[in-house]
Amino acid sequence: GTARSEYEALTGNSMSFLPSGSVPYQLYVRDPEYGLA
């Protein structure tokens, strides 16, 4: 689940509020996706 840690570090969002086992990169990312970049 590499992308879960990546998602938190780059966006500041927490997996704590998302369904267990989900991967935001595959389900929830929007355009634009605000964060560090």
PDB file of all heavy atoms in Angstrom:
ATOM      1  N   GLY A   1       0.804  -1.221   0.000  1.00  0.00           N
ATOM      2  CA  GLY A   1       0.000   0.000   0.000  1.00  0.00           C
ATOM      3  C   GLY A   1       0.834   1.267   0.000  1.00  0.00           C
ATOM      4  O   GLY A   1       0.473   2.269   0.617  1.00  0.00           O
ATOM      5  N   THR A   2       1.950   1.228  -0.722  1.00  0.00           N
ATOM      6  CA  THR A   2       2.873   2.362  -0.816  1.00  0.00           C
ATOM      7  C   THR A   2       2.169   3.698  -1.031  1.00  0.00           C
ATOM      8  O   THR A   2       2.511   4.698  -0.408  1.00  0.00           O
ATOM      9  CB  THR A   2       3.857   2.120  -1.983  1.00  0.00           C
ATOM     10  OG1 THR A   2       4.723   1.041  -1.646  1.00  0.00           O
ATOM     11  CG2 THR A   2       4.693   3.340  -2.289  1.00  0.00           C
ATOM     12  N   ALA A   3       1.197   3.708  -1.923  1.00  0.00           N
ATOM     13  CA  ALA A   3       0.573   4.974  -2.315  1.00  0.00           C
ATOM     14  C   ALA A   3      -0.210   5.627  -1.181  1.00  0.00           C
ATOM     15  O   ALA A   3      -0.498   6.827  -1.246  1.00  0.00           O
ATOM     16  CB  ALA A   3      -0.343   4.749  -3.523  1.00  0.00           C
ATOM     17  N   ARG A   4      -0.554   4.875  -0.146  1.00  0.00           N
ATOM     18  CA  ARG A   4      -1.254   5.493   0.992  1.00  0.00           C
ATOM     19  C   ARG A   4      -0.314   6.434   1.747  1.00  0.00           C
ATOM     20  O   ARG A   4      -0.687   7.560   2.104  1.00  0.00           O
ATOM     21  CB  ARG A   4      -1.802   4.419   1.932  1.00  0.00           C
ATOM     22  CG  ARG A   4      -2.844   3.507   1.297  1.00  0.00           C
ATOM     23  CD  ARG A   4      -3.449   2.555   2.326  1.00  0.00           C
ATOM     24  NE  ARG A   4      -4.332   1.591   1.686  1.00  0.00           N
ATOM     25  CZ  ARG A   4      -4.030   0.319   1.480  1.00  0.00           C
ATOM     26  NH1 ARG A   4      -2.860  -0.163   1.893  1.00  0.00           N
ATOM     27  NH2 ARG A   4      -4.878  -0.489   0.891  1.00  0.00           N
ATOM     28  N   SER A   5       0.905   5.966   2.015  1.00  0.00           N
ATOM     29  CA  SER A   5       1.886   6.823   2.697  1.00  0.00           C
ATOM     30  C   SER A   5       2.251   8.011   1.824  1.00  0.00           C
ATOM     31  O   SER A   5       2.404   9.141   2.305  1.00  0.00           O
ATOM     32  CB  SER A   5       3.145   6.009   3.030  1.00  0.00           C
ATOM     33  OG  SER A   5       2.831   4.907   3.856  1.00  0.00           O
ATOM     34  N   GLU A   6       2.398   7.763   0.539  1.00  0.00           N
ATOM     35  CA  GLU A   6       2.725   8.821  -0.416  1.00  0.00           C
ATOM     36  C   GLU A   6       1.634   9.887  -0.431  1.00  0.00           C
ATOM     37  O   GLU A   6       1.914  11.097  -0.431  1.00  0.00           O
ATOM     38  CB  GLU A   6       2.880   8.182  -1.800  1.00  0.00           C
ATOM     39  CG  GLU A   6       3.264   9.118  -2.907  1.00  0.00           C
ATOM     40  CD  GLU A   6       3.450   8.374  -4.224  1.00  0.00           C
ATOM     41  OE1 GLU A   6       3.572   7.127  -4.215  1.00  0.00           O
ATOM     42  OE2 GLU A   6       3.484   9.049  -5.268  1.00  0.00           O
ATOM     43  N   TYR A   7       0.387   9.440  -0.438  1.00  0.00           N
ATOM     44  CA  TYR A   7      -0.759  10.346  -0.455  1.00  0.00           C
ATOM     45  C   TYR A   7      -0.744  11.266   0.760  1.00  0.00           C
ATOM     46  O   TYR A   7      -0.931  12.483   0.648  1.00  0.00           O
ATOM     47  CB  TYR A   7      -2.038   9.517  -0.498  1.00  0.00           C
ATOM     48  CG  TYR A   7      -3.328  10.297  -0.336  1.00  0.00           C
ATOM     49  CD1 TYR A   7      -3.868  11.013  -1.395  1.00  0.00           C
ATOM     50  CD2 TYR A   7      -4.014  10.287   0.880  1.00  0.00           C
ATOM     51  CE1 TYR A   7      -5.070  11.710  -1.254  1.00  0.00           C
ATOM     52  CE2 TYR A   7      -5.208  10.975   1.035  1.00  0.00           C
ATOM     53  CZ  TYR A   7      -5.731  11.682  -0.035  1.00  0.00           C
ATOM     54  OH  TYR A   7      -6.916  12.373   0.112  1.00  0.00           O
ATOM     55  N   GLU A   8      -0.516  10.694   1.941  1.00  0.00           N
ATOM     56  CA  GLU A   8      -0.494  11.518   3.146  1.00  0.00           C
ATOM     57  C   GLU A   8       0.630  12.553   3.101  1.00  0.00           C
ATOM     58  O   GLU A   8       0.425  13.728   3.431  1.00  0.00           O
ATOM     59  CB  GLU A   8      -0.329  10.635   4.390  1.00  0.00           C
ATOM     60  CG  GLU A   8      -1.567   9.848   4.746  1.00  0.00           C
ATOM     61  CD  GLU A   8      -1.591   9.397   6.205  1.00  0.00           C
ATOM     62  OE1 GLU A   8      -0.541   9.466   6.879  1.00  0.00           O
ATOM     63  OE2 GLU A   8      -2.662   8.978   6.674  1.00  0.00           O
ATOM     64  N   ALA A   9       1.824  12.121   2.711  1.00  0.00           N
ATOM     65  CA  ALA A   9       2.978  13.019   2.723  1.00  0.00           C
ATOM     66  C   ALA A   9       2.807  14.164   1.730  1.00  0.00           C
ATOM     67  O   ALA A   9       3.199  15.307   2.012  1.00  0.00           O
ATOM     68  CB  ALA A   9       4.250  12.236   2.422  1.00  0.00           C
ATOM     69  N   LEU A  10       2.234  13.893   0.571  1.00  0.00           N
ATOM     70  CA  LEU A  10       2.133  14.910  -0.482  1.00  0.00           C
ATOM     71  C   LEU A  10       0.917  15.811  -0.346  1.00  0.00           C
ATOM     72  O   LEU A  10       0.942  16.956  -0.809  1.00  0.00           O
ATOM     73  CB  LEU A  10       2.115  14.244  -1.859  1.00  0.00           C
ATOM     74  CG  LEU A  10       3.431  13.618  -2.333  1.00  0.00           C
ATOM     75  CD1 LEU A  10       3.241  12.949  -3.688  1.00  0.00           C
ATOM     76  CD2 LEU A  10       4.555  14.643  -2.404  1.00  0.00           C
ATOM     77  N   THR A  11      -0.162  15.325   0.274  1.00  0.00           N
ATOM     78  CA  THR A  11      -1.383  16.129   0.340  1.00  0.00           C
ATOM     79  C   THR A  11      -1.667  16.706   1.716  1.00  0.00           C
ATOM     80  O   THR A  11      -2.377  17.717   1.825  1.00  0.00           O
ATOM     81  CB  THR A  11      -2.613  15.293  -0.070  1.00  0.00           C
ATOM     82  OG1 THR A  11      -2.839  14.268   0.918  1.00  0.00           O
ATOM     83  CG2 THR A  11      -2.426  14.670  -1.444  1.00  0.00           C
ATOM     84  N   GLY A  12      -1.170  16.065   2.774  1.00  0.00           N
ATOM     85  CA  GLY A  12      -1.537  16.478   4.132  1.00  0.00           C
ATOM     86  C   GLY A  12      -2.837  15.859   4.590  1.00  0.00           C
ATOM     87  O   GLY A  12      -3.224  16.004   5.754  1.00  0.00           O
ATOM     88  N   ASN A  13      -3.531  15.162   3.701  1.00  0.00           N
ATOM     89  CA  ASN A  13      -4.755  14.467   4.087  1.00  0.00           C
ATOM     90  C   ASN A  13      -4.407  13.185   4.840  1.00  0.00           C
ATOM     91  O   ASN A  13      -3.341  12.615   4.645  1.00  0.00           O
ATOM     92  CB  ASN A  13      -5.588  14.117   2.852  1.00  0.00           C
ATOM     93  CG  ASN A  13      -6.103  15.351   2.141  1.00  0.00           C
ATOM     94  OD1 ASN A  13      -6.284  16.400   2.750  1.00  0.00           O
ATOM     95  ND2 ASN A  13      -6.341  15.231   0.847  1.00  0.00           N
ATOM     96  N   SER A  14      -5.328  12.736   5.682  1.00  0.00           N
ATOM     97  CA  SER A  14      -5.088  11.549   6.492  1.00  0.00           C
ATOM     98  C   SER A  14      -5.951  10.385   6.032  1.00  0.00           C
ATOM     99  O   SER A  14      -7.152  10.542   5.780  1.00  0.00           O
ATOM    100  CB  SER A  14      -5.379  11.839   7.965  1.00  0.00           C
ATOM    101  OG  SER A  14      -5.275  10.669   8.742  1.00  0.00           O
ATOM    102  N   MET A  15      -5.329   9.203   5.937  1.00  0.00           N
ATOM    103  CA  MET A  15      -6.078   7.979   5.636  1.00  0.00           C
ATOM    104  C   MET A  15      -7.040   7.625   6.766  1.00  0.00           C
ATOM    105  O   MET A  15      -7.941   6.815   6.587  1.00  0.00           O
ATOM    106  CB  MET A  15      -5.110   6.819   5.409  1.00  0.00           C
ATOM    107  CG  MET A  15      -4.301   6.882   4.132  1.00  0.00           C
ATOM    108  SD  MET A  15      -5.301   6.799   2.625  1.00  0.00           S
ATOM    109  CE  MET A  15      -6.180   5.260   2.868  1.00  0.00           C
ATOM    110  N   SER A  16      -6.861   8.247   7.926  1.00  0.00           N
ATOM    111  CA  SER A  16      -7.702   7.963   9.082  1.00  0.00           C
ATOM    112  C   SER A  16      -9.177   8.220   8.794  1.00  0.00           C
ATOM    113  O   SER A  16     -10.051   7.611   9.412  1.00  0.00           O
ATOM    114  CB  SER A  16      -7.239   8.818  10.269  1.00  0.00           C
ATOM    115  OG  SER A  16      -8.012   8.573  11.411  1.00  0.00           O
ATOM    116  N   PHE A  17      -9.459   9.121   7.845  1.00  0.00           N
ATOM    117  CA  PHE A  17     -10.843   9.486   7.543  1.00  0.00           C
ATOM    118  C   PHE A  17     -11.386   8.758   6.311  1.00  0.00           C
ATOM    119  O   PHE A  17     -12.492   9.065   5.859  1.00  0.00           O
ATOM    120  CB  PHE A  17     -10.950  10.994   7.323  1.00  0.00           C
ATOM    121  CG  PHE A  17     -10.411  11.815   8.467  1.00  0.00           C
ATOM    122  CD1 PHE A  17      -9.416  12.760   8.263  1.00  0.00           C
ATOM    123  CD2 PHE A  17     -10.883  11.627   9.756  1.00  0.00           C
ATOM    124  CE1 PHE A  17      -8.907  13.507   9.309  1.00  0.00           C
ATOM    125  CE2 PHE A  17     -10.389  12.370  10.820  1.00  0.00           C
ATOM    126  CZ  PHE A  17      -9.390  13.317  10.594  1.00  0.00           C
ATOM    127  N   LEU A  18     -10.601   7.845   5.767  1.00  0.00           N
ATOM    128  CA  LEU A  18     -10.989   7.145   4.546  1.00  0.00           C
ATOM    129  C   LEU A  18     -11.200   5.660   4.835  1.00  0.00           C
ATOM    130  O   LEU A  18     -10.667   5.140   5.821  1.00  0.00           O
ATOM    131  CB  LEU A  18      -9.918   7.332   3.474  1.00  0.00           C
ATOM    132  CG  LEU A  18      -9.643   8.793   3.087  1.00  0.00           C
ATOM    133  CD1 LEU A  18      -8.502   8.879   2.083  1.00  0.00           C
ATOM    134  CD2 LEU A  18     -10.891   9.450   2.527  1.00  0.00           C
ATOM    135  N   PRO A  19     -11.950   4.952   4.004  1.00  0.00           N
ATOM    136  CA  PRO A  19     -12.217   3.535   4.263  1.00  0.00           C
ATOM    137  C   PRO A  19     -10.936   2.723   4.359  1.00  0.00           C
ATOM    138  O   PRO A  19     -10.003   2.895   3.561  1.00  0.00           O
ATOM    139  CB  PRO A  19     -13.031   3.111   3.036  1.00  0.00           C
ATOM    140  CG  PRO A  19     -13.669   4.360   2.545  1.00  0.00           C
ATOM    141  CD  PRO A  19     -12.675   5.439   2.814  1.00  0.00           C
ATOM    142  N   SER A  20     -10.866   1.841   5.336  1.00  0.00           N
ATOM    143  CA  SER A  20      -9.723   0.967   5.504  1.00  0.00           C
ATOM    144  C   SER A  20      -9.522   0.130   4.250  1.00  0.00           C
ATOM    145  O   SER A  20     -10.456  -0.489   3.746  1.00  0.00           O
ATOM    146  CB  SER A  20      -9.937   0.058   6.716  1.00  0.00           C
ATOM    147  OG  SER A  20      -8.886  -0.871   6.839  1.00  0.00           O
ATOM    148  N   GLY A  21      -8.303   0.122   3.742  1.00  0.00           N
ATOM    149  CA  GLY A  21      -8.007  -0.656   2.544  1.00  0.00           C
ATOM    150  C   GLY A  21      -8.123   0.121   1.257  1.00  0.00           C
ATOM    151  O   GLY A  21      -7.704  -0.350   0.196  1.00  0.00           O
ATOM    152  N   SER A  22      -8.682   1.310   1.303  1.00  0.00           N
ATOM    153  CA  SER A  22      -8.819   2.108   0.085  1.00  0.00           C
ATOM    154  C   SER A  22      -7.482   2.721  -0.303  1.00  0.00           C
ATOM    155  O   SER A  22      -6.587   2.892   0.527  1.00  0.00           O
ATOM    156  CB  SER A  22      -9.863   3.211   0.276  1.00  0.00           C
ATOM    157  OG  SER A  22      -9.436   4.142   1.262  1.00  0.00           O
ATOM    158  N   VAL A  23      -7.345   3.055  -1.582  1.00  0.00           N
ATOM    159  CA  VAL A  23      -6.146   3.715  -2.092  1.00  0.00           C
ATOM    160  C   VAL A  23      -6.585   4.982  -2.819  1.00  0.00           C
ATOM    161  O   VAL A  23      -7.134   4.906  -3.924  1.00  0.00           O
ATOM    162  CB  VAL A  23      -5.351   2.799  -3.048  1.00  0.00           C
ATOM    163  CG1 VAL A  23      -4.098   3.514  -3.546  1.00  0.00           C
ATOM    164  CG2 VAL A  23      -4.977   1.495  -2.349  1.00  0.00           C
ATOM    165  N   PRO A  24      -6.383   6.157  -2.234  1.00  0.00           N
ATOM    166  CA  PRO A  24      -6.888   7.400  -2.827  1.00  0.00           C
ATOM    167  C   PRO A  24      -6.453   7.627  -4.266  1.00  0.00           C
ATOM    168  O   PRO A  24      -7.235   8.147  -5.073  1.00  0.00           O
ATOM    169  CB  PRO A  24      -6.326   8.482  -1.890  1.00  0.00           C
ATOM    170  CG  PRO A  24      -6.195   7.787  -0.580  1.00  0.00           C
ATOM    171  CD  PRO A  24      -5.779   6.386  -0.911  1.00  0.00           C
ATOM    172  N   TYR A  25      -5.216   7.231  -4.597  1.00  0.00           N
ATOM    173  CA  TYR A  25      -4.738   7.442  -5.961  1.00  0.00           C
ATOM    174  C   TYR A  25      -5.638   6.758  -6.993  1.00  0.00           C
ATOM    175  O   TYR A  25      -5.715   7.192  -8.137  1.00  0.00           O
ATOM    176  CB  TYR A  25      -3.318   6.894  -6.113  1.00  0.00           C
ATOM    177  CG  TYR A  25      -2.213   7.830  -5.665  1.00  0.00           C
ATOM    178  CD1 TYR A  25      -2.470   8.943  -4.887  1.00  0.00           C
ATOM    179  CD2 TYR A  25      -0.893   7.586  -6.036  1.00  0.00           C
ATOM    180  CE1 TYR A  25      -1.455   9.775  -4.474  1.00  0.00           C
ATOM    181  CE2 TYR A  25       0.136   8.413  -5.638  1.00  0.00           C
ATOM    182  CZ  TYR A  25      -0.148   9.512  -4.852  1.00  0.00           C
ATOM    183  OH  TYR A  25       0.866  10.345  -4.450  1.00  0.00           O
ATOM    184  N   GLN A  26      -6.285   5.698  -6.611  1.00  0.00           N
ATOM    185  CA  GLN A  26      -7.120   4.951  -7.544  1.00  0.00           C
ATOM    186  C   GLN A  26      -8.588   5.345  -7.484  1.00  0.00           C
ATOM    187  O   GLN A  26      -9.367   4.977  -8.364  1.00  0.00           O
ATOM    188  CB  GLN A  26      -6.992   3.450  -7.255  1.00  0.00           C
ATOM    189  CG  GLN A  26      -5.575   2.915  -7.451  1.00  0.00           C
ATOM    190  CD  GLN A  26      -5.439   1.459  -7.054  1.00  0.00           C
ATOM    191  OE1 GLN A  26      -6.011   1.030  -6.066  1.00  0.00           O
ATOM    192  NE2 GLN A  26      -4.669   0.705  -7.819  1.00  0.00           N
ATOM    193  N   LEU A  27      -8.971   6.097  -6.445  1.00  0.00           N
ATOM    194  CA  LEU A  27     -10.390   6.331  -6.219  1.00  0.00           C
ATOM    195  C   LEU A  27     -10.786   7.795  -6.040  1.00  0.00           C
ATOM    196  O   LEU A  27     -11.853   8.198  -6.492  1.00  0.00           O
ATOM    197  CB  LEU A  27     -10.840   5.563  -4.960  1.00  0.00           C
ATOM    198  CG  LEU A  27     -10.825   4.043  -5.037  1.00  0.00           C
ATOM    199  CD1 LEU A  27     -10.909   3.438  -3.641  1.00  0.00           C
ATOM    200  CD2 LEU A  27     -11.975   3.545  -5.889  1.00  0.00           C
ATOM    201  N   TYR A  28      -9.956   8.574  -5.381  1.00  0.00           N
ATOM    202  CA  TYR A  28     -10.452   9.849  -4.876  1.00  0.00           C
ATOM    203  C   TYR A  28      -9.733  11.089  -5.403  1.00  0.00           C
ATOM    204  O   TYR A  28     -10.195  12.210  -5.161  1.00  0.00           O
ATOM    205  CB  TYR A  28     -10.365   9.876  -3.337  1.00  0.00           C
ATOM    206  CG  TYR A  28     -10.975   8.682  -2.668  1.00  0.00           C
ATOM    207  CD1 TYR A  28     -10.281   7.973  -1.695  1.00  0.00           C
ATOM    208  CD2 TYR A  28     -12.251   8.244  -3.003  1.00  0.00           C
ATOM    209  CE1 TYR A  28     -10.844   6.864  -1.078  1.00  0.00           C
ATOM    210  CE2 TYR A  28     -12.819   7.136  -2.394  1.00  0.00           C
ATOM    211  CZ  TYR A  28     -12.110   6.452  -1.430  1.00  0.00           C
ATOM    212  OH  TYR A  28     -12.658   5.361  -0.827  1.00  0.00           O
ATOM    213  N   VAL A  29      -8.620  10.943  -6.080  1.00  0.00           N
ATOM    214  CA  VAL A  29      -7.859  12.120  -6.502  1.00  0.00           C
ATOM    215  C   VAL A  29      -8.664  12.943  -7.495  1.00  0.00           C
ATOM    216  O   VAL A  29      -9.294  12.409  -8.414  1.00  0.00           O
ATOM    217  CB  VAL A  29      -6.507  11.698  -7.114  1.00  0.00           C
ATOM    218  CG1 VAL A  29      -5.843  12.864  -7.834  1.00  0.00           C
ATOM    219  CG2 VAL A  29      -5.588  11.179  -6.016  1.00  0.00           C
ATOM    220  N   ARG A  30      -8.632  14.249  -7.303  1.00  0.00           N
ATOM    221  CA  ARG A  30      -9.361  15.150  -8.186  1.00  0.00           C
ATOM    222  C   ARG A  30      -8.380  16.064  -8.918  1.00  0.00           C
ATOM    223  O   ARG A  30      -7.187  16.066  -8.627  1.00  0.00           O
ATOM    224  CB  ARG A  30     -10.383  15.958  -7.389  1.00  0.00           C
ATOM    225  CG  ARG A  30      -9.797  16.802  -6.271  1.00  0.00           C
ATOM    226  CD  ARG A  30     -10.826  17.140  -5.211  1.00  0.00           C
ATOM    227  NE  ARG A  30     -12.005  17.772  -5.749  1.00  0.00           N
ATOM    228  CZ  ARG A  30     -13.106  18.042  -5.028  1.00  0.00           C
ATOM    229  NH1 ARG A  30     -13.158  17.687  -3.752  1.00  0.00           N
ATOM    230  NH2 ARG A  30     -14.149  18.629  -5.571  1.00  0.00           N
ATOM    231  N   ASP A  31      -8.859  16.835  -9.832  1.00  0.00           N
ATOM    232  CA  ASP A  31      -8.021  17.750 -10.605  1.00  0.00           C
ATOM    233  C   ASP A  31      -8.554  19.168 -10.436  1.00  0.00           C
ATOM    234  O   ASP A  31      -9.657  19.468 -10.908  1.00  0.00           O
ATOM    235  CB  ASP A  31      -8.041  17.339 -12.080  1.00  0.00           C
ATOM    236  CG  ASP A  31      -7.028  18.097 -12.917  1.00  0.00           C
ATOM    237  OD1 ASP A  31      -6.240  18.877 -12.338  1.00  0.00           O
ATOM    238  OD2 ASP A  31      -7.034  17.919 -14.152  1.00  0.00           O
ATOM    239  N   PRO A  32      -7.821  20.046  -9.734  1.00  0.00           N
ATOM    240  CA  PRO A  32      -6.473  19.833  -9.188  1.00  0.00           C
ATOM    241  C   PRO A  32      -6.503  19.126  -7.835  1.00  0.00           C
ATOM    242  O   PRO A  32      -7.487  19.220  -7.102  1.00  0.00           O
ATOM    243  CB  PRO A  32      -5.936  21.250  -9.024  1.00  0.00           C
ATOM    244  CG  PRO A  32      -7.165  22.082  -8.765  1.00  0.00           C
ATOM    245  CD  PRO A  32      -8.259  21.445  -9.579  1.00  0.00           C
ATOM    246  N   GLU A  33      -5.400  18.430  -7.537  1.00  0.00           N
ATOM    247  CA  GLU A  33      -5.200  17.784  -6.239  1.00  0.00           C
ATOM    248  C   GLU A  33      -4.187  18.609  -5.470  1.00  0.00           C
ATOM    249  O   GLU A  33      -2.989  18.591  -5.762  1.00  0.00           O
ATOM    250  CB  GLU A  33      -4.690  16.349  -6.431  1.00  0.00           C
ATOM    251  CG  GLU A  33      -4.416  15.614  -5.134  1.00  0.00           C
ATOM    252  CD  GLU A  33      -5.676  15.190  -4.396  1.00  0.00           C
ATOM    253  OE1 GLU A  33      -6.776  15.213  -4.996  1.00  0.00           O
ATOM    254  OE2 GLU A  33      -5.567  14.829  -3.219  1.00  0.00           O
ATOM    255  N   TYR A  34      -4.668  19.395  -4.517  1.00  0.00           N
ATOM    256  CA  TYR A  34      -3.798  20.343  -3.826  1.00  0.00           C
ATOM    257  C   TYR A  34      -2.835  19.634  -2.881  1.00  0.00           C
ATOM    258  O   TYR A  34      -3.148  18.596  -2.308  1.00  0.00           O
ATOM    259  CB  TYR A  34      -4.646  21.357  -3.053  1.00  0.00           C
ATOM    260  CG  TYR A  34      -5.537  22.186  -3.936  1.00  0.00           C
ATOM    261  CD1 TYR A  34      -6.911  22.213  -3.737  1.00  0.00           C
ATOM    262  CD2 TYR A  34      -5.002  22.921  -4.989  1.00  0.00           C
ATOM    263  CE1 TYR A  34      -7.744  22.965  -4.549  1.00  0.00           C
ATOM    264  CE2 TYR A  34      -5.826  23.680  -5.813  1.00  0.00           C
ATOM    265  CZ  TYR A  34      -7.194  23.703  -5.595  1.00  0.00           C
ATOM    266  OH  TYR A  34      -8.013  24.440  -6.412  1.00  0.00           O
ATOM    267  N   GLY A  35      -1.652  20.218  -2.727  1.00  0.00           N
ATOM    268  CA  GLY A  35      -0.664  19.631  -1.843  1.00  0.00           C
ATOM    269  C   GLY A  35       0.710  20.211  -2.082  1.00  0.00           C
ATOM    270  O   GLY A  35       0.867  21.315  -2.629  1.00  0.00           O
ATOM    271  N   LEU A  36       1.711  19.469  -1.688  1.00  0.00           N
ATOM    272  CA  LEU A  36       3.088  19.958  -1.668  1.00  0.00           C
ATOM    273  C   LEU A  36       3.574  20.406  -3.035  1.00  0.00           C
ATOM    274  O   LEU A  36       4.187  21.477  -3.158  1.00  0.00           O
ATOM    275  CB  LEU A  36       4.002  18.860  -1.113  1.00  0.00           C
ATOM    276  CG  LEU A  36       5.467  19.233  -0.853  1.00  0.00           C
ATOM    277  CD1 LEU A  36       5.571  20.385   0.145  1.00  0.00           C
ATOM    278  CD2 LEU A  36       6.227  18.020  -0.348  1.00  0.00           C
ATOM    279  N   ALA A  37       3.341  19.611  -4.074  1.00  0.00           N
ATOM    280  CA  ALA A  37       3.829  19.976  -5.409  1.00  0.00           C
ATOM    281  C   ALA A  37       3.206  21.282  -5.881  1.00  0.00           C
ATOM    282  O   ALA A  37       3.896  22.173  -6.404  1.00  0.00           O
ATOM    283  CB  ALA A  37       3.545  18.850  -6.396  1.00  0.00           C
TER     284      ALA A  37
END
